[in-house]
Amino acid sequence: MNTHTGSSTMSGKAALWALYRGSQNETLMRSNYRTCNFRKEFLDWCEIQNDELISNTGALA
């Protein structure tokens, strides 16, 4: 009786990553590059908004 079979299987995340990497093509890579740039620009914008909010509310407090 084999009670431990986890070492021979991939986790769901690893399996999805393998499928993603296996089916990736040039168009998808370009799309991901644009998405990463958009995400970085959005995070930068959020950081600026947060800094402005802190500086504006700091004067009120």
Protein backbone atom coordinates (compact mmCIF):
# COMPACT_ATOMS: atom_id res chain seq x y z
CA MET A 1 0.00 0.00 0.00
CA ASN A 2 1.45 3.33 -1.08
CA THR A 3 0.12 6.13 1.11
CA HIS A 4 2.37 8.94 -0.14
CA THR A 5 2.15 9.78 -3.86
CA GLY A 6 2.65 13.55 -3.67
CA SER A 7 6.29 13.40 -4.68
CA SER A 8 5.42 12.13 -8.15
CA THR A 9 2.75 14.73 -8.98
CA MET A 10 2.87 18.44 -9.71
CA SER A 11 0.92 20.94 -7.70
CA GLY A 12 -1.90 22.72 -9.52
CA LYS A 13 0.16 25.89 -9.77
CA ALA A 14 3.16 24.05 -11.23
CA ALA A 15 0.93 22.24 -13.74
CA LEU A 16 -0.69 25.49 -14.88
CA TRP A 17 2.73 27.12 -15.20
CA ALA A 18 3.97 24.20 -17.31
CA LEU A 19 0.93 24.48 -19.59
CA TYR A 20 1.39 28.23 -19.88
CA ARG A 21 5.07 27.94 -20.74
CA GLY A 22 4.40 25.12 -23.19
CA SER A 23 1.73 26.99 -25.15
CA GLN A 24 3.40 30.41 -25.09
CA ASN A 25 4.09 32.11 -28.43
CA GLU A 26 5.59 35.42 -29.58
CA THR A 27 2.27 37.30 -29.60
CA LEU A 28 1.50 36.18 -26.07
CA MET A 29 4.94 37.29 -24.91
CA ARG A 30 4.40 40.77 -26.38
CA SER A 31 0.98 40.94 -24.74
CA ASN A 32 2.48 40.01 -21.36
CA TYR A 33 5.18 42.65 -21.81
CA ARG A 34 2.52 45.33 -22.34
CA THR A 35 0.57 44.04 -19.34
CA CYS A 36 3.67 44.20 -17.13
CA ASN A 37 4.36 47.77 -18.25
CA PHE A 38 0.76 48.75 -17.55
CA ARG A 39 0.94 47.13 -14.11
CA LYS A 40 4.19 48.97 -13.31
CA GLU A 41 2.75 52.30 -14.48
CA PHE A 42 -0.37 51.71 -12.38
CA LEU A 43 1.67 50.85 -9.28
CA ASP A 44 3.82 53.95 -9.79
CA TRP A 45 0.64 56.06 -10.09
CA CYS A 46 -0.75 54.51 -6.88
CA GLU A 47 2.48 55.30 -5.05
CA ILE A 48 2.36 58.93 -6.19
CA GLN A 49 -1.30 59.23 -5.17
CA ASN A 50 -0.50 57.73 -1.77
CA ASP A 51 2.39 60.14 -1.21
CA GLU A 52 0.19 63.10 -2.15
CA LEU A 53 -2.59 61.90 0.14
CA ILE A 54 -0.17 61.54 3.06
CA SER A 55 1.33 64.98 2.47
CA ASN A 56 -2.11 66.62 2.15
CA THR A 57 -3.63 64.94 5.19
CA GLY A 58 -0.46 65.49 7.22
CA ALA A 59 -1.05 69.24 6.99
CA LEU A 60 -4.60 68.77 8.31
CA ALA A 61 -3.58 66.57 11.22
